[in-house]
Amino acid sequence: MRVLVAGASGAIGRQLLPLLDAVGHETIALVHRSPVEVRNGHVVSASALDRNALTTAVSEFEPEMVVNLLTAIPHNPNPRKFEREFALTNRLRTEGTANLVVATGGVRMLSESVAFAYAPRPGLIADESQPLWENGPKPFRPAVAALKELERITAETGGVAVRFGSLVGPGTGFAPDGTVITAVRARKLPIVGDGSGTFSFVHTHDAATAIIAALDRPEVRGAVNIVDDEPVASRDWLPALARLIGAPKPRRIPEWLARMVAGSWGPAFLNGLVGATNARAKAELDWRPRYARVQEAWTADLPTMVQPSVAV
């Protein structure tokens, strides 16, 4: 199959390209600035926000499937500037996705969405039928609106929106030099309030294997959560990560103080999220994460930092 990968130079794209080669797909890797390599296929450069340039770049290859990984998330996002810093990603998820449809003639699309935008409810572990957090903190609302539009456009192609959990692995904030690891080491990532915000993680390699599984299953449509097996509260995973890398114990701060320091989105992210279930992915994509628990992913990626007897 000829597969166009838009956003091929990102954290998931770099894990996906060698897997596409390995299973025999012909890859058209679309990048804007950062170079990548493919063994069986082509690398093309164009901005997804320039419809004419995008169409010129990809139309000659006649892709049979689009993997849409378009984002422009800052390396070190500032929670107080969330809405401004995610504006370009929102455009890529709406305008960029629409341009991909035009440029490829509307072939089936698989798009990157997120599994941490569900409306919170105490004790909830969300499946794909749960509503998104449309009335969440004001800075987050444009991002949710963009996700909904991304998923709508994707559905019109007969495709699937893969809702990834919080990413760990190379190229993410949880890499050895990543922003999360740096913040935990400096005690700049606190437990907010009761620390009940629940995270579902996924390693970038597992995200890529889920995409490979979905390519060959055109009957699977709609949204599918791609997350690990065990959601974990921030009051548990933050101290566990600190112990694992030999960092000081995270501070605890009240929500009102967190809002003063980080604005409305930061505390909501750490203390308002709900976890997600991967039951549909297992049943319909026959997919299993290599790293069933986030501790397993950390242990694989941070071997020189690992301390013994750490449990989440």
C-alpha atoms as a PDB file:
ATOM      1  CA  MET A   1       0.000   0.000   0.000  1.00  0.00           C
ATOM      2  CA  ARG A   2       1.197   3.534  -0.742  1.00  0.00           C
ATOM      3  CA  VAL A   3       0.928   5.402   2.542  1.00  0.00           C
ATOM      4  CA  LEU A   4       1.348   9.153   2.895  1.00  0.00           C
ATOM      5  CA  VAL A   5       2.633  10.040   6.373  1.00  0.00           C
ATOM      6  CA  ALA A   6       2.019  13.724   7.097  1.00  0.00           C
ATOM      7  CA  GLY A   7       4.119  14.949   9.997  1.00  0.00           C
ATOM      8  CA  ALA A   8       6.624  12.148   9.450  1.00  0.00           C
ATOM      9  CA  SER A   9       9.407  13.849  11.418  1.00  0.00           C
ATOM     10  CA  GLY A  10       7.532  13.891  14.738  1.00  0.00           C
ATOM     11  CA  ALA A  11       7.970  11.550  17.698  1.00  0.00           C
ATOM     12  CA  ILE A  12       5.428   9.025  16.391  1.00  0.00           C
ATOM     13  CA  GLY A  13       6.403   9.437  12.746  1.00  0.00           C
ATOM     14  CA  ARG A  14      10.027   8.530  13.412  1.00  0.00           C
ATOM     15  CA  GLN A  15       8.903   5.292  15.069  1.00  0.00           C
ATOM     16  CA  LEU A  16       6.389   4.589  12.297  1.00  0.00           C
ATOM     17  CA  LEU A  17       8.583   4.969   9.201  1.00  0.00           C
ATOM     18  CA  PRO A  18      10.820   1.922   9.821  1.00  0.00           C
ATOM     19  CA  LEU A  19       7.768  -0.186  10.663  1.00  0.00           C
ATOM     20  CA  LEU A  20       6.118   0.753   7.370  1.00  0.00           C
ATOM     21  CA  ASP A  21       9.321  -0.269   5.594  1.00  0.00           C
ATOM     22  CA  ALA A  22       9.461  -3.526   7.531  1.00  0.00           C
ATOM     23  CA  VAL A  23       5.947  -4.646   6.581  1.00  0.00           C
ATOM     24  CA  GLY A  24       6.389  -3.694   2.934  1.00  0.00           C
ATOM     25  CA  HIS A  25       4.359  -0.518   2.509  1.00  0.00           C
ATOM     26  CA  GLU A  26       5.549   2.198   0.121  1.00  0.00           C
ATOM     27  CA  THR A  27       5.888   5.374   2.160  1.00  0.00           C
ATOM     28  CA  ILE A  28       5.537   8.989   1.095  1.00  0.00           C
ATOM     29  CA  ALA A  29       6.967  10.875   4.063  1.00  0.00           C
ATOM     30  CA  LEU A  30       5.699  14.460   4.132  1.00  0.00           C
ATOM     31  CA  VAL A  31       7.822  16.868   6.162  1.00  0.00           C
ATOM     32  CA  HIS A  32       8.027  20.625   6.420  1.00  0.00           C
ATOM     33  CA  ARG A  33      11.515  21.285   7.764  1.00  0.00           C
ATOM     34  CA  SER A  34      13.069  18.310   9.589  1.00  0.00           C
ATOM     35  CA  PRO A  35      14.624  15.595   7.353  1.00  0.00           C
ATOM     36  CA  VAL A  36      13.748  11.903   7.603  1.00  0.00           C
ATOM     37  CA  GLU A  37      14.753   8.755   5.729  1.00  0.00           C
ATOM     38  CA  VAL A  38      12.674   5.960   4.238  1.00  0.00           C
ATOM     39  CA  ARG A  39      13.994   2.799   2.629  1.00  0.00           C
ATOM     40  CA  ASN A  40      10.964   2.020   0.469  1.00  0.00           C
ATOM     41  CA  GLY A  41       9.434   5.243  -0.735  1.00  0.00           C
ATOM     42  CA  HIS A  42       9.971   8.968  -0.995  1.00  0.00           C
ATOM     43  CA  VAL A  43      10.427  12.060   1.146  1.00  0.00           C
ATOM     44  CA  VAL A  44       8.612  15.215   0.075  1.00  0.00           C
ATOM     45  CA  SER A  45       8.576  18.660   1.646  1.00  0.00           C
ATOM     46  CA  ALA A  46       5.623  21.052   1.826  1.00  0.00           C
ATOM     47  CA  SER A  47       3.560  22.950   4.352  1.00  0.00           C
ATOM     48  CA  ALA A  48       0.200  21.337   5.008  1.00  0.00           C
ATOM     49  CA  LEU A  49      -1.233  24.845   5.322  1.00  0.00           C
ATOM     50  CA  ASP A  50      -0.323  25.646   1.690  1.00  0.00           C
ATOM     51  CA  ARG A  51      -2.934  23.702  -0.264  1.00  0.00           C
ATOM     52  CA  ASN A  52      -1.406  24.274  -3.699  1.00  0.00           C
ATOM     53  CA  ALA A  53       2.127  23.356  -2.623  1.00  0.00           C
ATOM     54  CA  LEU A  54       0.835  20.308  -0.757  1.00  0.00           C
ATOM     55  CA  THR A  55      -1.158  19.095  -3.749  1.00  0.00           C
ATOM     56  CA  THR A  56       1.829  19.534  -6.045  1.00  0.00           C
ATOM     57  CA  ALA A  57       4.094  17.663  -3.623  1.00  0.00           C
ATOM     58  CA  VAL A  58       1.983  14.559  -3.104  1.00  0.00           C
ATOM     59  CA  SER A  59      -0.424  14.151  -6.029  1.00  0.00           C
ATOM     60  CA  GLU A  60       2.071  12.416  -8.347  1.00  0.00           C
ATOM     61  CA  PHE A  61       2.467   9.568  -5.835  1.00  0.00           C
ATOM     62  CA  GLU A  62      -1.278   8.775  -5.659  1.00  0.00           C
ATOM     63  CA  PRO A  63      -1.339   7.595  -2.026  1.00  0.00           C
ATOM     64  CA  GLU A  64      -3.889   4.964  -1.080  1.00  0.00           C
ATOM     65  CA  MET A  65      -3.948   5.886   2.608  1.00  0.00           C
ATOM     66  CA  VAL A  66      -3.082   8.972   4.652  1.00  0.00           C
ATOM     67  CA  VAL A  67      -1.591   8.861   8.156  1.00  0.00           C
ATOM     68  CA  ASN A  68      -2.140  12.342   9.538  1.00  0.00           C
ATOM     69  CA  LEU A  69       0.281  13.153  12.375  1.00  0.00           C
ATOM     70  CA  LEU A  70       0.276  16.925  11.860  1.00  0.00           C
ATOM     71  CA  THR A  71       1.121  18.915  14.997  1.00  0.00           C
ATOM     72  CA  ALA A  72       3.357  21.832  15.955  1.00  0.00           C
ATOM     73  CA  ILE A  73       3.503  21.421  19.732  1.00  0.00           C
ATOM     74  CA  PRO A  74       6.219  23.549  21.352  1.00  0.00           C
ATOM     75  CA  HIS A  75       9.201  21.719  22.817  1.00  0.00           C
ATOM     76  CA  ASN A  76       8.681  23.410  26.177  1.00  0.00           C
ATOM     77  CA  PRO A  77       5.052  24.578  26.334  1.00  0.00           C
ATOM     78  CA  ASN A  78       4.072  27.288  28.781  1.00  0.00           C
ATOM     79  CA  PRO A  79       0.719  26.418  30.426  1.00  0.00           C
ATOM     80  CA  ARG A  80      -0.066  30.123  30.866  1.00  0.00           C
ATOM     81  CA  LYS A  81       0.189  30.558  27.077  1.00  0.00           C
ATOM     82  CA  PHE A  82      -1.549  27.314  26.118  1.00  0.00           C
ATOM     83  CA  GLU A  83      -4.105  28.820  23.735  1.00  0.00           C
ATOM     84  CA  ARG A  84      -1.501  30.879  21.853  1.00  0.00           C
ATOM     85  CA  GLU A  85       1.087  28.125  21.708  1.00  0.00           C
ATOM     86  CA  PHE A  86      -1.385  25.539  20.386  1.00  0.00           C
ATOM     87  CA  ALA A  87      -2.917  27.834  17.762  1.00  0.00           C
ATOM     88  CA  LEU A  88      -0.709  26.443  14.965  1.00  0.00           C
ATOM     89  CA  THR A  89      -1.463  22.849  15.950  1.00  0.00           C
ATOM     90  CA  ASN A  90      -5.166  23.701  15.914  1.00  0.00           C
ATOM     91  CA  ARG A  91      -4.797  25.066  12.379  1.00  0.00           C
ATOM     92  CA  LEU A  92      -2.934  21.968  11.255  1.00  0.00           C
ATOM     93  CA  ARG A  93      -5.669  19.762  12.702  1.00  0.00           C
ATOM     94  CA  THR A  94      -8.377  21.698  10.866  1.00  0.00           C
ATOM     95  CA  GLU A  95      -7.020  23.501   7.773  1.00  0.00           C
ATOM     96  CA  GLY A  96      -4.108  21.114   7.321  1.00  0.00           C
ATOM     97  CA  THR A  97      -6.354  18.068   7.530  1.00  0.00           C
ATOM     98  CA  ALA A  98      -8.814  19.566   5.036  1.00  0.00           C
ATOM     99  CA  ASN A  99      -5.915  20.301   2.680  1.00  0.00           C
ATOM    100  CA  LEU A 100      -4.718  16.699   2.928  1.00  0.00           C
ATOM    101  CA  VAL A 101      -8.150  15.507   1.854  1.00  0.00           C
ATOM    102  CA  VAL A 102      -8.084  17.755  -1.215  1.00  0.00           C
ATOM    103  CA  ALA A 103      -4.478  16.919  -2.098  1.00  0.00           C
ATOM    104  CA  THR A 104      -5.076  13.151  -1.964  1.00  0.00           C
ATOM    105  CA  GLY A 105      -8.545  13.004  -3.452  1.00  0.00           C
ATOM    106  CA  GLY A 106     -10.177  12.019  -0.190  1.00  0.00           C
ATOM    107  CA  VAL A 107      -8.552   8.627   0.357  1.00  0.00           C
ATOM    108  CA  ARG A 108      -9.035   6.946   3.723  1.00  0.00           C
ATOM    109  CA  MET A 109      -7.288   8.772   6.537  1.00  0.00           C
ATOM    110  CA  LEU A 110      -5.953   7.751   9.921  1.00  0.00           C
ATOM    111  CA  SER A 111      -5.508  10.816  12.139  1.00  0.00           C
ATOM    112  CA  GLU A 112      -3.701  11.471  15.413  1.00  0.00           C
ATOM    113  CA  SER A 113      -6.102  12.621  18.133  1.00  0.00           C
ATOM    114  CA  VAL A 114      -5.778  12.472  21.922  1.00  0.00           C
ATOM    115  CA  ALA A 115      -7.218  10.316  24.709  1.00  0.00           C
ATOM    116  CA  PHE A 116      -6.812  13.006  27.387  1.00  0.00           C
ATOM    117  CA  ALA A 117      -9.574  15.359  26.270  1.00  0.00           C
ATOM    118  CA  TYR A 118     -12.536  13.543  27.795  1.00  0.00           C
ATOM    119  CA  ALA A 119     -14.883  15.495  30.032  1.00  0.00           C
ATOM    120  CA  PRO A 120     -13.895  14.690  33.630  1.00  0.00           C
ATOM    121  CA  ARG A 121     -16.079  12.744  36.008  1.00  0.00           C
ATOM    122  CA  PRO A 122     -14.953  11.207  39.319  1.00  0.00           C
ATOM    123  CA  GLY A 123     -13.898   7.607  38.916  1.00  0.00           C
ATOM    124  CA  LEU A 124     -14.361   7.597  35.141  1.00  0.00           C
ATOM    125  CA  ILE A 125     -12.159   5.494  32.879  1.00  0.00           C
ATOM    126  CA  ALA A 126     -13.340   6.720  29.488  1.00  0.00           C
ATOM    127  CA  ASP A 127     -14.194   4.697  26.449  1.00  0.00           C
ATOM    128  CA  GLU A 128     -14.666   6.270  23.025  1.00  0.00           C
ATOM    129  CA  SER A 129     -18.363   6.983  23.612  1.00  0.00           C
ATOM    130  CA  GLN A 130     -17.631   9.537  26.332  1.00  0.00           C
ATOM    131  CA  PRO A 131     -17.959  13.233  25.413  1.00  0.00           C
ATOM    132  CA  LEU A 132     -14.950  15.461  24.993  1.00  0.00           C
ATOM    133  CA  TRP A 133     -14.237  18.317  27.408  1.00  0.00           C
ATOM    134  CA  GLU A 134     -15.883  21.068  25.357  1.00  0.00           C
ATOM    135  CA  ASN A 135     -16.620  23.243  28.404  1.00  0.00           C
ATOM    136  CA  GLY A 136     -13.240  22.844  30.037  1.00  0.00           C
ATOM    137  CA  PRO A 137     -10.795  25.636  30.865  1.00  0.00           C
ATOM    138  CA  LYS A 138     -11.101  28.477  28.364  1.00  0.00           C
ATOM    139  CA  PRO A 139      -7.576  28.064  26.886  1.00  0.00           C
ATOM    140  CA  PHE A 140      -8.327  24.397  26.143  1.00  0.00           C
ATOM    141  CA  ARG A 141     -11.608  24.940  24.288  1.00  0.00           C
ATOM    142  CA  PRO A 142     -10.107  25.848  20.891  1.00  0.00           C
ATOM    143  CA  ALA A 143      -7.952  22.706  21.061  1.00  0.00           C
ATOM    144  CA  VAL A 144     -10.998  20.523  21.720  1.00  0.00           C
ATOM    145  CA  ALA A 145     -12.900  22.225  18.897  1.00  0.00           C
ATOM    146  CA  ALA A 146      -9.968  21.505  16.572  1.00  0.00           C
ATOM    147  CA  LEU A 147      -9.894  17.856  17.665  1.00  0.00           C
ATOM    148  CA  LYS A 148     -13.602  17.505  16.950  1.00  0.00           C
ATOM    149  CA  GLU A 149     -13.141  18.989  13.471  1.00  0.00           C
ATOM    150  CA  LEU A 150     -10.145  16.736  12.829  1.00  0.00           C
ATOM    151  CA  GLU A 151     -12.179  13.681  13.783  1.00  0.00           C
ATOM    152  CA  ARG A 152     -15.171  14.830  11.706  1.00  0.00           C
ATOM    153  CA  ILE A 153     -13.061  15.247   8.561  1.00  0.00           C
ATOM    154  CA  THR A 154     -11.349  11.928   9.190  1.00  0.00           C
ATOM    155  CA  ALA A 155     -14.691  10.153   9.562  1.00  0.00           C
ATOM    156  CA  GLU A 156     -15.840  11.555   6.214  1.00  0.00           C
ATOM    157  CA  THR A 157     -12.968   9.690   4.526  1.00  0.00           C
ATOM    158  CA  GLY A 158     -14.099   6.426   6.129  1.00  0.00           C
ATOM    159  CA  GLY A 159     -11.099   6.611   8.406  1.00  0.00           C
ATOM    160  CA  VAL A 160     -10.229   6.327  12.062  1.00  0.00           C
ATOM    161  CA  ALA A 161      -9.051   8.832  14.686  1.00  0.00           C
ATOM    162  CA  VAL A 162      -6.487   7.188  16.933  1.00  0.00           C
ATOM    163  CA  ARG A 163      -6.699   8.861  20.326  1.00  0.00           C
ATOM    164  CA  PHE A 164      -3.255   8.549  21.841  1.00  0.00           C
ATOM    165  CA  GLY A 165      -2.569   8.797  25.544  1.00  0.00           C
ATOM    166  CA  SER A 166       0.123  11.057  26.951  1.00  0.00           C
ATOM    167  CA  LEU A 167       3.203  10.166  24.926  1.00  0.00           C
ATOM    168  CA  VAL A 168       6.375   8.773  26.435  1.00  0.00           C
ATOM    169  CA  GLY A 169       9.506   7.685  24.618  1.00  0.00           C
ATOM    170  CA  PRO A 170      12.123   9.284  22.360  1.00  0.00           C
ATOM    171  CA  GLY A 171      11.270  12.802  21.275  1.00  0.00           C
ATOM    172  CA  THR A 172       8.746  13.366  24.077  1.00  0.00           C
ATOM    173  CA  GLY A 173       8.881  15.182  27.394  1.00  0.00           C
ATOM    174  CA  PHE A 174       9.704  11.846  29.046  1.00  0.00           C
ATOM    175  CA  ALA A 175      12.919  11.296  27.095  1.00  0.00           C
ATOM    176  CA  PRO A 176      16.100  11.589  29.213  1.00  0.00           C
ATOM    177  CA  ASP A 177      16.503  15.207  28.116  1.00  0.00           C
ATOM    178  CA  GLY A 178      12.771  15.893  27.910  1.00  0.00           C
ATOM    179  CA  THR A 179      10.941  18.759  29.563  1.00  0.00           C
ATOM    180  CA  VAL A 180       9.023  16.544  32.011  1.00  0.00           C
ATOM    181  CA  ILE A 181      12.177  14.807  33.228  1.00  0.00           C
ATOM    182  CA  THR A 182      13.905  18.176  33.549  1.00  0.00           C
ATOM    183  CA  ALA A 183      10.984  19.640  35.503  1.00  0.00           C
ATOM    184  CA  VAL A 184      10.765  16.653  37.859  1.00  0.00           C
ATOM    185  CA  ARG A 185      14.487  16.842  38.546  1.00  0.00           C
ATOM    186  CA  ALA A 186      14.143  20.530  39.434  1.00  0.00           C
ATOM    187  CA  ARG A 187      10.997  19.987  41.563  1.00  0.00           C
ATOM    188  CA  LYS A 188       9.056  22.218  39.164  1.00  0.00           C
ATOM    189  CA  LEU A 189       6.286  19.713  38.460  1.00  0.00           C
ATOM    190  CA  PRO A 190       4.145  19.481  41.609  1.00  0.00           C
ATOM    191  CA  ILE A 191       1.259  17.306  42.727  1.00  0.00           C
ATOM    192  CA  VAL A 192      -1.729  19.648  42.553  1.00  0.00           C
ATOM    193  CA  GLY A 193      -4.464  19.352  45.144  1.00  0.00           C
ATOM    194  CA  ASP A 194      -5.281  15.732  45.849  1.00  0.00           C
ATOM    195  CA  GLY A 195      -3.432  14.602  42.710  1.00  0.00           C
ATOM    196  CA  SER A 196      -6.467  12.730  41.426  1.00  0.00           C
ATOM    197  CA  GLY A 197      -5.971  13.621  37.769  1.00  0.00           C
ATOM    198  CA  THR A 198      -5.620  10.258  36.017  1.00  0.00           C
ATOM    199  CA  PHE A 199      -3.277   9.716  33.085  1.00  0.00           C
ATOM    200  CA  SER A 200      -3.250   7.075  30.400  1.00  0.00           C
ATOM    201  CA  PHE A 201       0.162   6.921  28.759  1.00  0.00           C
ATOM    202  CA  VAL A 202       1.407   5.312  25.560  1.00  0.00           C
ATOM    203  CA  HIS A 203       4.939   4.811  24.283  1.00  0.00           C
ATOM    204  CA  THR A 204       5.647   6.208  20.822  1.00  0.00           C
ATOM    205  CA  HIS A 205       6.596   2.726  19.588  1.00  0.00           C
ATOM    206  CA  ASP A 206       3.223   1.390  20.742  1.00  0.00           C
ATOM    207  CA  ALA A 207       1.514   4.320  19.024  1.00  0.00           C
ATOM    208  CA  ALA A 208       3.274   3.353  15.799  1.00  0.00           C
ATOM    209  CA  THR A 209       2.338  -0.336  16.047  1.00  0.00           C
ATOM    210  CA  ALA A 210      -1.302   0.671  16.551  1.00  0.00           C
ATOM    211  CA  ILE A 211      -1.158   2.638  13.296  1.00  0.00           C
ATOM    212  CA  ILE A 212       0.271  -0.379  11.489  1.00  0.00           C
ATOM    213  CA  ALA A 213      -2.566  -2.507  12.870  1.00  0.00           C
ATOM    214  CA  ALA A 214      -5.209   0.026  11.783  1.00  0.00           C
ATOM    215  CA  LEU A 215      -3.923   0.338   8.208  1.00  0.00           C
ATOM    216  CA  ASP A 216      -5.113  -3.150   7.326  1.00  0.00           C
ATOM    217  CA  ARG A 217      -8.524  -2.854   8.972  1.00  0.00           C
ATOM    218  CA  PRO A 218     -10.701  -0.528   6.875  1.00  0.00           C
ATOM    219  CA  GLU A 219     -13.769  -1.783   8.721  1.00  0.00           C
ATOM    220  CA  VAL A 220     -12.606   0.003  11.892  1.00  0.00           C
ATOM    221  CA  ARG A 221     -13.910   3.565  11.886  1.00  0.00           C
ATOM    222  CA  GLY A 222     -14.577   6.368  14.317  1.00  0.00           C
ATOM    223  CA  ALA A 223     -12.335   6.962  17.334  1.00  0.00           C
ATOM    224  CA  VAL A 224     -10.089   4.377  19.004  1.00  0.00           C
ATOM    225  CA  ASN A 225      -8.138   4.918  22.234  1.00  0.00           C
ATOM    226  CA  ILE A 226      -4.495   3.900  21.985  1.00  0.00           C
ATOM    227  CA  VAL A 227      -3.271   3.826  25.582  1.00  0.00           C
ATOM    228  CA  ASP A 228      -1.481   1.516  27.990  1.00  0.00           C
ATOM    229  CA  ASP A 229      -3.331  -0.926  30.234  1.00  0.00           C
ATOM    230  CA  GLU A 230      -3.197   0.863  33.586  1.00  0.00           C
ATOM    231  CA  PRO A 231      -4.304   4.491  34.057  1.00  0.00           C
ATOM    232  CA  VAL A 232      -2.473   6.093  36.967  1.00  0.00           C
ATOM    233  CA  ALA A 233      -3.165   9.192  39.080  1.00  0.00           C
ATOM    234  CA  SER A 234      -0.680  12.055  39.117  1.00  0.00           C
ATOM    235  CA  ARG A 235      -0.225  11.614  42.896  1.00  0.00           C
ATOM    236  CA  ASP A 236       1.189   8.157  42.087  1.00  0.00           C
ATOM    237  CA  TRP A 237       3.103   8.528  38.842  1.00  0.00           C
ATOM    238  CA  LEU A 238       4.888  11.769  39.707  1.00  0.00           C
ATOM    239  CA  PRO A 239       6.567  10.445  42.885  1.00  0.00           C
ATOM    240  CA  ALA A 240       7.313   7.134  41.162  1.00  0.00           C
ATOM    241  CA  LEU A 241       9.028   8.904  38.278  1.00  0.00           C
ATOM    242  CA  ALA A 242      11.010  11.067  40.696  1.00  0.00           C
ATOM    243  CA  ARG A 243      12.244   7.969  42.549  1.00  0.00           C
ATOM    244  CA  LEU A 244      13.075   6.256  39.291  1.00  0.00           C
ATOM    245  CA  ILE A 245      15.372   9.047  38.112  1.00  0.00           C
ATOM    246  CA  GLY A 246      16.776   9.849  41.547  1.00  0.00           C
ATOM    247  CA  ALA A 247      15.035  13.217  41.766  1.00  0.00           C
ATOM    248  CA  PRO A 248      13.670  14.913  44.894  1.00  0.00           C
ATOM    249  CA  LYS A 249      10.143  14.112  45.991  1.00  0.00           C
ATOM    250  CA  PRO A 250       7.631  16.356  44.142  1.00  0.00           C
ATOM    251  CA  ARG A 251       6.065  19.201  46.067  1.00  0.00           C
ATOM    252  CA  ARG A 252       2.337  19.311  46.827  1.00  0.00           C
ATOM    253  CA  ILE A 253       0.566  22.597  46.234  1.00  0.00           C
ATOM    254  CA  PRO A 254      -3.099  23.636  46.481  1.00  0.00           C
ATOM    255  CA  GLU A 255      -5.103  24.197  43.320  1.00  0.00           C
ATOM    256  CA  TRP A 256      -5.535  27.928  43.959  1.00  0.00           C
ATOM    257  CA  LEU A 257      -1.771  28.396  44.050  1.00  0.00           C
ATOM    258  CA  ALA A 258      -1.291  26.311  40.910  1.00  0.00           C
ATOM    259  CA  ARG A 259      -3.811  28.500  39.086  1.00  0.00           C
ATOM    260  CA  MET A 260      -1.919  31.615  40.141  1.00  0.00           C
ATOM    261  CA  VAL A 261       1.365  30.191  38.878  1.00  0.00           C
ATOM    262  CA  ALA A 262       0.282  28.272  35.767  1.00  0.00           C
ATOM    263  CA  GLY A 263      -3.112  29.669  34.788  1.00  0.00           C
ATOM    264  CA  SER A 264      -6.273  27.607  34.458  1.00  0.00           C
ATOM    265  CA  TRP A 265      -4.974  24.924  32.107  1.00  0.00           C
ATOM    266  CA  GLY A 266      -1.971  23.632  34.071  1.00  0.00           C
ATOM    267  CA  PRO A 267      -3.912  22.588  37.201  1.00  0.00           C
ATOM    268  CA  ALA A 268      -6.714  21.189  35.057  1.00  0.00           C
ATOM    269  CA  PHE A 269      -4.236  19.034  33.159  1.00  0.00           C
ATOM    270  CA  LEU A 270      -2.589  17.646  36.295  1.00  0.00           C
ATOM    271  CA  ASN A 271      -5.708  17.294  38.398  1.00  0.00           C
ATOM    272  CA  GLY A 272      -8.691  17.069  36.060  1.00  0.00           C
ATOM    273  CA  LEU A 273      -7.848  14.400  33.521  1.00  0.00           C
ATOM    274  CA  VAL A 274      -9.529  11.014  33.354  1.00  0.00           C
ATOM    275  CA  GLY A 275      -7.907   7.816  32.168  1.00  0.00           C
ATOM    276  CA  ALA A 276      -8.982   5.860  29.112  1.00  0.00           C
ATOM    277  CA  THR A 277      -9.532   2.212  28.228  1.00  0.00           C
ATOM    278  CA  ASN A 278      -7.902   0.454  25.269  1.00  0.00           C
ATOM    279  CA  ALA A 279     -10.547  -2.289  25.099  1.00  0.00           C
ATOM    280  CA  ARG A 280     -11.730  -1.340  21.607  1.00  0.00           C
ATOM    281  CA  ALA A 281      -8.193  -1.295  20.201  1.00  0.00           C
ATOM    282  CA  LYS A 282      -7.560  -4.758  21.613  1.00  0.00           C
ATOM    283  CA  ALA A 283     -10.820  -6.195  20.319  1.00  0.00           C
ATOM    284  CA  GLU A 284     -11.015  -4.575  16.866  1.00  0.00           C
ATOM    285  CA  LEU A 285      -7.382  -3.882  15.943  1.00  0.00           C
ATOM    286  CA  ASP A 286      -5.955  -6.950  17.724  1.00  0.00           C
ATOM    287  CA  TRP A 287      -3.397  -4.537  19.202  1.00  0.00           C
ATOM    288  CA  ARG A 288      -1.503  -4.896  22.462  1.00  0.00           C
ATOM    289  CA  PRO A 289       0.946  -2.373  23.906  1.00  0.00           C
ATOM    290  CA  ARG A 290       4.516  -3.565  24.329  1.00  0.00           C
ATOM    291  CA  TYR A 291       4.596  -1.447  27.493  1.00  0.00           C
ATOM    292  CA  ALA A 292       1.440  -2.293  29.418  1.00  0.00           C
ATOM    293  CA  ARG A 293       2.357   0.052  32.294  1.00  0.00           C
ATOM    294  CA  VAL A 294       4.155   3.359  32.048  1.00  0.00           C
ATOM    295  CA  GLN A 295       6.839   2.162  34.482  1.00  0.00           C
ATOM    296  CA  GLU A 296       7.880  -0.445  31.907  1.00  0.00           C
ATOM    297  CA  ALA A 297       8.330   2.270  29.286  1.00  0.00           C
ATOM    298  CA  TRP A 298      10.341   4.459  31.657  1.00  0.00           C
ATOM    299  CA  THR A 299      12.561   1.536  32.605  1.00  0.00           C
ATOM    300  CA  ALA A 300      13.279   0.864  28.929  1.00  0.00           C
ATOM    301  CA  ASP A 301      13.957   4.496  28.028  1.00  0.00           C
ATOM    302  CA  LEU A 302      15.795   5.684  31.128  1.00  0.00           C
ATOM    303  CA  PRO A 303      18.091   2.755  31.908  1.00  0.00           C
ATOM    304  CA  THR A 304      20.959   4.804  33.294  1.00  0.00           C
ATOM    305  CA  MET A 305      18.621   6.580  35.711  1.00  0.00           C
ATOM    306  CA  VAL A 306      16.704   3.572  36.992  1.00  0.00           C
ATOM    307  CA  GLN A 307      16.733   2.907  40.723  1.00  0.00           C
ATOM    308  CA  PRO A 308      15.669  -0.524  42.083  1.00  0.00           C
ATOM    309  CA  SER A 309      12.331  -1.410  43.659  1.00  0.00           C
ATOM    310  CA  VAL A 310      10.197   1.321  42.141  1.00  0.00           C
ATOM    311  CA  ALA A 311       6.462   0.695  41.912  1.00  0.00           C
ATOM    312  CA  VAL A 312       3.666   2.811  40.530  1.00  0.00           C
END
